[in-house]
Amino acid sequence: FRNSLFSRAKENNQVILLPEGDEPRTVQAAGFILQHGLCSLILLGEREKLLEAAKVYNVDLRSAIIKDPSDPQELEKYATVYYQTRKHKGMTLEKAREILGNDPITLGTCMVSAGDADGMVCGAVHTTANTVRPALQIIKTDPATPIVSSVMFICLEDAVVAYADVAINASPSADELATIAIASADTVTAFGLEPRVALLSYATGDSNAGPLVQKVADAASIARSRRPDLLLEGPFQYDAAVNAAAAKIKLKGKNSEVAGKANVFIFPDLNSSNIACKVVQQHTGATVIGPILQGLRKPVNDLSRGCTVKDIIATIATTAIQAAAEKKKSKAVAVEAMKARKE
């Protein structure tokens, strides 16, 4: 799967911004990305400090664009972007300058919003909140996706599966679960996999009743009505979603294109999804990629502060693929809008 990621990232030369440019793991990851030509990079940081770090870790950053976040011209340009975006919330130009001068994540988000980068990866030394909040405020959500959610790829020995939502929505409603399911299917498709989406619960089909099961059943119904093209069903218990024998027994012989062969799993809440991810990681040693944020106008992805160099490399490649997919989607929407105007 990693090889597929790298090949897909290479296909479109996207520009990915790394606002934690002088962080040691980020420096090493940037060296790998540039060496293998996976995408173009912008690193925020003092040039001399960055080049010194490159020597320490024996990587070549000469082909990266290095921008000093304290540069007055750069600061003024993006302070204007930030002010224009947030002035309705009381932001002043002076306050915008002050914030960007002290916060490379918000500065980087403004750069992505302005079109100077196609996506951003950060979080090696910043919290998820510090990553997500500026993205929601400045880049904002895709009009077609009313909420931001996240998906994590789990690379097992014999398969790659996706779990969602693993980081953002604590207790999504049926409508929100439907949105998460559709967004996750589209994300998985962008990475070259055919999504078979299972919405999970503690019961399979109509084997039990109650508000928790009903919420998942309603979510599946809503998602299918919005996207009848998707292979998407629920509610399923996890075993019925992945094990054909269990599915046959629990569905009492009913036909299903998802049961027993699902590869995208939509959890009913953040508790269950987060626990499931940690269980898989700790007991199988599986490689994980993500959380990958979905639903923003442009991709911004968060790293764990315990991430490895390999994690950062995979996330940068992932972000490049997302950026290319978003451009393709935006172009298609523009073409459809033009056709509609002509009619």
Protein backbone atom coordinates (compact mmCIF):
# COMPACT_ATOMS: atom_id res chain seq x y z
CA PHE A 1 0.00 0.00 0.00
CA ARG A 2 2.89 2.36 0.78
CA ASN A 3 4.32 1.75 -2.70
CA SER A 4 0.92 2.53 -4.19
CA LEU A 5 0.78 5.72 -2.10
CA PHE A 6 4.15 6.85 -3.36
CA SER A 7 3.30 6.10 -6.99
CA ARG A 8 0.02 8.03 -6.77
CA ALA A 9 1.70 10.97 -5.02
CA LYS A 10 4.31 11.14 -7.81
CA GLU A 11 1.67 11.27 -10.55
CA ASN A 12 0.73 14.86 -9.72
CA ASN A 13 3.40 17.23 -8.49
CA GLN A 14 1.53 18.81 -5.59
CA VAL A 15 3.03 21.41 -3.25
CA ILE A 16 2.79 20.37 0.41
CA LEU A 17 3.59 22.73 3.27
CA LEU A 18 5.38 21.63 6.45
CA PRO A 19 5.02 24.44 9.02
CA GLU A 20 7.10 22.56 11.63
CA GLY A 21 10.00 22.76 9.21
CA ASP A 22 12.91 22.45 11.64
CA GLU A 23 11.44 19.60 13.74
CA PRO A 24 13.96 16.69 13.47
CA ARG A 25 11.57 13.97 12.24
CA THR A 26 10.04 16.41 9.77
CA VAL A 27 13.47 17.31 8.40
CA GLN A 28 14.27 13.63 7.82
CA ALA A 29 10.87 12.97 6.22
CA ALA A 30 11.29 16.01 3.95
CA GLY A 31 14.65 14.67 2.80
CA PHE A 32 13.07 11.35 1.80
CA ILE A 33 10.14 13.02 0.00
CA LEU A 34 12.46 15.26 -2.03
CA GLN A 35 14.95 12.48 -2.77
CA HIS A 36 12.19 10.30 -4.23
CA GLY A 37 10.33 13.15 -5.97
CA LEU A 38 6.99 12.40 -4.32
CA CYS A 39 5.93 16.07 -4.28
CA SER A 40 7.28 19.59 -3.89
CA LEU A 41 7.72 20.96 -0.37
CA ILE A 42 7.56 24.29 1.40
CA LEU A 43 9.19 24.32 4.84
CA LEU A 44 8.66 27.08 7.37
CA GLY A 45 11.70 27.97 9.45
CA GLU A 46 14.94 29.90 9.56
CA ARG A 47 16.99 28.93 6.50
CA GLU A 48 20.30 28.53 8.33
CA LYS A 49 18.73 26.47 11.10
CA LEU A 50 17.00 24.21 8.59
CA LEU A 51 20.10 23.65 6.47
CA GLU A 52 22.12 22.90 9.59
CA ALA A 53 19.52 20.29 10.63
CA ALA A 54 19.74 18.82 7.12
CA LYS A 55 23.50 18.33 7.58
CA VAL A 56 22.97 16.66 10.97
CA TYR A 57 20.52 14.13 9.47
CA ASN A 58 22.38 13.82 6.16
CA VAL A 59 19.48 14.88 3.98
CA ASP A 60 19.32 17.30 1.06
CA LEU A 61 16.74 20.07 1.37
CA ARG A 62 18.10 22.29 -1.40
CA SER A 63 15.12 21.65 -3.69
CA ALA A 64 12.64 22.64 -0.98
CA ILE A 65 11.21 26.14 -0.78
CA ILE A 66 12.18 27.51 2.62
CA LYS A 67 10.18 30.42 3.97
CA ASP A 68 11.12 32.30 7.11
CA PRO A 69 7.93 32.90 9.15
CA SER A 70 9.42 36.12 10.53
CA ASP A 71 9.90 37.66 7.06
CA PRO A 72 7.96 40.99 7.18
CA GLN A 73 6.73 40.77 3.59
CA GLU A 74 5.46 37.21 3.99
CA LEU A 75 3.88 38.07 7.33
CA GLU A 76 2.06 41.08 5.89
CA LYS A 77 0.75 39.12 2.90
CA TYR A 78 -0.78 36.36 4.99
CA ALA A 79 -1.91 38.65 7.80
CA THR A 80 -4.13 40.29 5.19
CA VAL A 81 -5.51 36.88 4.21
CA TYR A 82 -6.20 36.04 7.86
CA TYR A 83 -7.79 39.43 8.55
CA GLN A 84 -10.09 39.19 5.51
CA THR A 85 -11.20 35.71 6.54
CA ARG A 86 -11.86 36.53 10.20
CA LYS A 87 -12.78 40.22 10.30
CA HIS A 88 -16.45 39.31 10.74
CA LYS A 89 -15.37 37.75 14.05
CA GLY A 90 -13.65 40.93 15.21
CA MET A 91 -10.17 40.21 13.83
CA THR A 92 -8.00 43.27 13.20
CA LEU A 93 -4.97 43.48 10.92
CA GLU A 94 -2.75 44.20 13.91
CA LYS A 95 -4.03 41.15 15.78
CA ALA A 96 -3.61 39.02 12.64
CA ARG A 97 0.06 40.06 12.40
CA GLU A 98 0.59 39.20 16.06
CA ILE A 99 -1.01 35.74 15.78
CA LEU A 100 0.81 34.75 12.59
CA GLY A 101 4.11 35.95 13.98
CA ASN A 102 3.78 33.45 16.83
CA ASP A 103 1.84 30.58 15.28
CA PRO A 104 3.35 28.75 12.28
CA ILE A 105 0.29 26.47 12.00
CA THR A 106 -2.11 29.38 11.45
CA LEU A 107 0.43 31.01 9.12
CA GLY A 108 0.71 27.80 7.11
CA THR A 109 -3.07 27.46 6.96
CA CYS A 110 -3.27 30.97 5.47
CA MET A 111 -0.69 29.98 2.86
CA VAL A 112 -2.78 26.97 1.83
CA SER A 113 -5.94 29.08 1.77
CA ALA A 114 -4.20 31.65 -0.46
CA GLY A 115 -3.28 28.93 -2.97
CA ASP A 116 0.47 29.04 -2.31
CA ALA A 117 0.42 25.38 -1.21
CA ASP A 118 -1.94 22.54 -2.11
CA GLY A 119 -2.04 20.99 1.36
CA MET A 120 -0.38 20.95 4.76
CA VAL A 121 0.95 18.36 7.24
CA CYS A 122 1.67 19.21 10.88
CA GLY A 123 1.14 18.00 14.44
CA ALA A 124 4.55 16.53 15.28
CA VAL A 125 4.85 19.12 18.06
CA HIS A 126 1.35 20.64 18.06
CA THR A 127 -1.99 19.30 19.29
CA THR A 128 -4.84 18.18 17.05
CA ALA A 129 -6.83 21.22 18.18
CA ASN A 130 -4.02 23.52 17.07
CA THR A 131 -4.09 21.86 13.64
CA VAL A 132 -7.84 21.56 13.10
CA ARG A 133 -9.07 24.89 14.50
CA PRO A 134 -7.24 27.18 12.00
CA ALA A 135 -8.22 24.86 9.14
CA LEU A 136 -11.90 25.13 10.06
CA GLN A 137 -11.65 28.90 10.50
CA ILE A 138 -9.63 29.74 7.41
CA ILE A 139 -9.88 26.97 4.81
CA LYS A 140 -13.40 25.96 5.92
CA THR A 141 -15.43 22.92 4.97
CA ASP A 142 -16.23 21.74 1.46
CA PRO A 143 -19.75 22.95 0.60
CA ALA A 144 -20.69 19.38 -0.33
CA THR A 145 -19.54 18.03 3.06
CA PRO A 146 -21.09 19.85 6.02
CA ILE A 147 -18.77 18.34 8.66
CA VAL A 148 -15.09 17.53 8.90
CA SER A 149 -14.25 13.98 9.90
CA SER A 150 -11.25 11.68 9.81
CA VAL A 151 -10.30 8.28 8.47
CA MET A 152 -7.38 6.02 9.37
CA PHE A 153 -5.90 3.40 7.06
CA ILE A 154 -4.87 0.17 8.81
CA CYS A 155 -2.34 -1.84 6.80
CA LEU A 156 -2.87 -5.47 7.82
CA GLU A 157 -0.85 -8.42 6.52
CA ASP A 158 -3.47 -9.39 3.95
CA ALA A 159 -5.54 -6.25 3.45
CA VAL A 160 -5.84 -2.50 3.87
CA VAL A 161 -8.92 -1.29 5.75
CA ALA A 162 -10.18 2.13 6.81
CA TYR A 163 -11.71 3.19 10.14
CA ALA A 164 -13.77 6.37 10.62
CA ASP A 165 -14.32 8.73 12.36
CA VAL A 166 -11.26 8.29 14.57
CA ALA A 167 -10.47 11.83 15.74
CA ILE A 168 -13.10 14.54 15.29
CA ASN A 169 -16.78 13.80 16.00
CA ALA A 170 -17.41 12.43 19.50
CA SER A 171 -21.04 11.37 19.15
CA PRO A 172 -22.30 11.89 15.58
CA SER A 173 -25.99 11.90 14.74
CA ALA A 174 -27.45 9.56 12.11
CA ASP A 175 -27.17 12.32 9.51
CA GLU A 176 -23.56 13.01 10.48
CA LEU A 177 -22.71 9.29 10.39
CA ALA A 178 -24.11 9.18 6.87
CA THR A 179 -21.90 12.11 5.86
CA ILE A 180 -18.85 10.45 7.45
CA ALA A 181 -19.61 7.19 5.62
CA ILE A 182 -19.87 8.90 2.22
CA ALA A 183 -16.75 11.02 2.79
CA SER A 184 -14.79 7.94 3.88
CA ALA A 185 -15.87 6.01 0.78
CA ASP A 186 -14.72 8.88 -1.43
CA THR A 187 -11.39 9.11 0.41
CA VAL A 188 -10.77 5.38 0.01
CA THR A 189 -11.64 5.62 -3.70
CA ALA A 190 -9.07 8.41 -4.15
CA PHE A 191 -6.43 5.97 -2.90
CA GLY A 192 -7.26 3.35 -5.52
CA LEU A 193 -9.39 1.02 -3.38
CA GLU A 194 -12.97 -0.06 -4.02
CA PRO A 195 -14.94 0.86 -0.88
CA ARG A 196 -17.32 -1.62 0.74
CA VAL A 197 -18.72 0.35 3.64
CA ALA A 198 -20.04 -1.22 6.84
CA LEU A 199 -21.75 0.93 9.47
CA LEU A 200 -21.02 -0.76 12.77
CA SER A 201 -23.14 -1.41 15.85
CA TYR A 202 -23.52 -4.00 18.61
CA ALA A 203 -26.23 -5.72 16.54
CA THR A 204 -26.42 -7.02 12.97
CA GLY A 205 -29.46 -6.23 10.84
CA ASP A 206 -32.67 -6.51 12.84
CA SER A 207 -31.26 -8.90 15.47
CA ASN A 208 -31.72 -6.29 18.18
CA ALA A 209 -33.52 -3.00 18.67
CA GLY A 210 -32.89 0.23 20.52
CA PRO A 211 -31.85 3.83 19.90
CA LEU A 212 -28.15 3.04 19.35
CA VAL A 213 -28.86 0.39 16.72
CA GLN A 214 -31.59 2.51 15.14
CA LYS A 215 -29.22 5.46 14.74
CA VAL A 216 -26.84 3.31 12.69
CA ALA A 217 -29.70 1.83 10.62
CA ASP A 218 -30.99 5.35 9.92
CA ALA A 219 -27.48 6.50 8.96
CA ALA A 220 -27.13 3.66 6.46
CA SER A 221 -30.52 4.51 4.95
CA ILE A 222 -29.64 8.22 4.66
CA ALA A 223 -26.26 7.47 3.09
CA ARG A 224 -27.76 5.08 0.52
CA SER A 225 -30.41 7.63 -0.44
CA ARG A 226 -27.70 10.24 -1.04
CA ARG A 227 -25.25 7.93 -2.80
CA PRO A 228 -26.98 4.87 -4.27
CA ASP A 229 -23.79 4.17 -6.24
CA LEU A 230 -21.91 3.11 -3.11
CA LEU A 231 -21.70 -0.40 -1.65
CA LEU A 232 -22.83 0.62 1.83
CA GLU A 233 -24.85 -1.28 4.44
CA GLY A 234 -25.52 -1.51 8.16
CA PRO A 235 -25.89 -2.06 10.99
CA PHE A 236 -23.26 -4.79 11.30
CA GLN A 237 -21.29 -6.24 14.16
CA TYR A 238 -17.62 -6.28 13.25
CA ASP A 239 -17.46 -10.05 12.77
CA ALA A 240 -20.40 -10.01 10.36
CA ALA A 241 -18.71 -7.22 8.42
CA VAL A 242 -15.43 -9.11 7.89
CA ASN A 243 -16.19 -12.81 8.24
CA ALA A 244 -18.33 -14.42 5.52
CA ALA A 245 -19.30 -17.39 7.71
CA ALA A 246 -20.42 -15.14 10.57
CA ALA A 247 -22.28 -12.90 8.13
CA LYS A 248 -24.19 -15.85 6.66
CA ILE A 249 -25.40 -16.93 10.10
CA LYS A 250 -26.22 -13.46 11.42
CA LEU A 251 -27.95 -12.27 8.25
CA LYS A 252 -29.85 -15.57 8.04
CA GLY A 253 -28.84 -16.11 4.44
CA LYS A 254 -29.83 -12.65 3.19
CA ASN A 255 -27.78 -11.41 0.22
CA SER A 256 -25.28 -8.65 0.92
CA GLU A 257 -22.53 -7.06 -1.16
CA VAL A 258 -20.80 -5.79 1.98
CA ALA A 259 -21.22 -8.41 4.72
CA GLY A 260 -18.11 -10.53 5.18
CA LYS A 261 -16.02 -8.40 2.82
CA ALA A 262 -16.18 -4.82 4.14
CA ASN A 263 -13.04 -2.68 4.00
CA VAL A 264 -14.40 0.65 5.29
CA PHE A 265 -15.75 0.63 8.84
CA ILE A 266 -17.86 3.47 10.22
CA PHE A 267 -17.93 3.41 14.01
CA PRO A 268 -20.93 4.81 15.89
CA ASP A 269 -18.86 7.13 18.10
CA LEU A 270 -15.35 8.33 18.87
CA ASN A 271 -14.95 6.07 21.92
CA SER A 272 -15.39 2.88 19.92
CA SER A 273 -13.30 3.98 16.92
CA ASN A 274 -10.38 5.24 18.97
CA ILE A 275 -10.31 2.12 21.13
CA ALA A 276 -10.48 -0.11 18.05
CA CYS A 277 -7.53 1.69 16.42
CA LYS A 278 -5.39 1.34 19.54
CA VAL A 279 -6.30 -2.35 19.96
CA VAL A 280 -5.29 -3.12 16.37
CA GLN A 281 -2.06 -1.13 16.62
CA GLN A 282 -0.97 -2.63 19.93
CA HIS A 283 -1.89 -6.26 19.25
CA THR A 284 -1.02 -6.61 15.58
CA GLY A 285 1.76 -4.10 15.02
CA ALA A 286 -0.08 -2.99 11.88
CA THR A 287 1.12 0.12 10.09
CA VAL A 288 -1.42 2.91 10.34
CA ILE A 289 -1.77 6.02 8.17
CA GLY A 290 -3.74 8.92 9.55
CA PRO A 291 -5.90 10.33 10.91
CA ILE A 292 -6.60 11.80 7.48
CA LEU A 293 -8.96 14.77 7.68
CA GLN A 294 -11.79 14.83 5.14
CA GLY A 295 -14.36 17.47 4.35
CA LEU A 296 -12.09 20.54 4.11
CA ARG A 297 -11.81 22.62 0.92
CA LYS A 298 -8.09 21.79 0.86
CA PRO A 299 -6.30 18.99 2.72
CA VAL A 300 -4.71 19.61 6.11
CA ASN A 301 -3.57 16.52 7.98
CA ASP A 302 -2.66 16.02 11.60
CA LEU A 303 0.24 13.94 12.93
CA SER A 304 0.47 12.26 16.30
CA ARG A 305 3.09 13.87 18.49
CA GLY A 306 4.52 10.36 18.85
CA CYS A 307 4.81 9.94 15.07
CA THR A 308 7.79 8.36 13.37
CA VAL A 309 9.63 9.58 10.28
CA LYS A 310 7.81 6.87 8.28
CA ASP A 311 4.47 8.15 9.58
CA ILE A 312 5.27 11.68 8.38
CA ILE A 313 6.41 10.45 4.96
CA ALA A 314 3.19 8.46 4.51
CA THR A 315 1.06 11.41 5.63
CA ILE A 316 2.77 13.81 3.23
CA ALA A 317 2.20 11.38 0.35
CA THR A 318 -1.42 10.95 1.46
CA THR A 319 -1.94 14.71 1.53
CA ALA A 320 -0.52 15.06 -1.97
CA ILE A 321 -3.00 12.45 -3.24
CA GLN A 322 -5.87 14.23 -1.48
CA ALA A 323 -4.82 17.56 -2.96
CA ALA A 324 -4.84 16.14 -6.49
CA ALA A 325 -8.25 14.54 -5.87
CA GLU A 326 -9.67 17.83 -4.55
CA LYS A 327 -8.46 19.69 -7.65
CA LYS A 328 -10.05 17.07 -9.90
CA LYS A 329 -13.31 17.29 -7.95
CA SER A 330 -13.33 21.11 -8.08
CA LYS A 331 -12.71 21.05 -11.83
CA ALA A 332 -15.61 18.62 -12.33
CA VAL A 333 -17.92 20.82 -10.25
CA ALA A 334 -16.90 23.88 -12.29
CA VAL A 335 -17.58 22.04 -15.56
CA GLU A 336 -21.03 20.97 -14.34
CA ALA A 337 -21.81 24.52 -13.23
CA MET A 338 -20.80 25.86 -16.64
CA LYS A 339 -23.04 23.31 -18.38
CA ALA A 340 -25.93 24.28 -16.13
CA ARG A 341 -25.49 27.97 -16.98
CA LYS A 342 -25.48 27.23 -20.72
CA GLU A 343 -28.70 25.23 -20.41
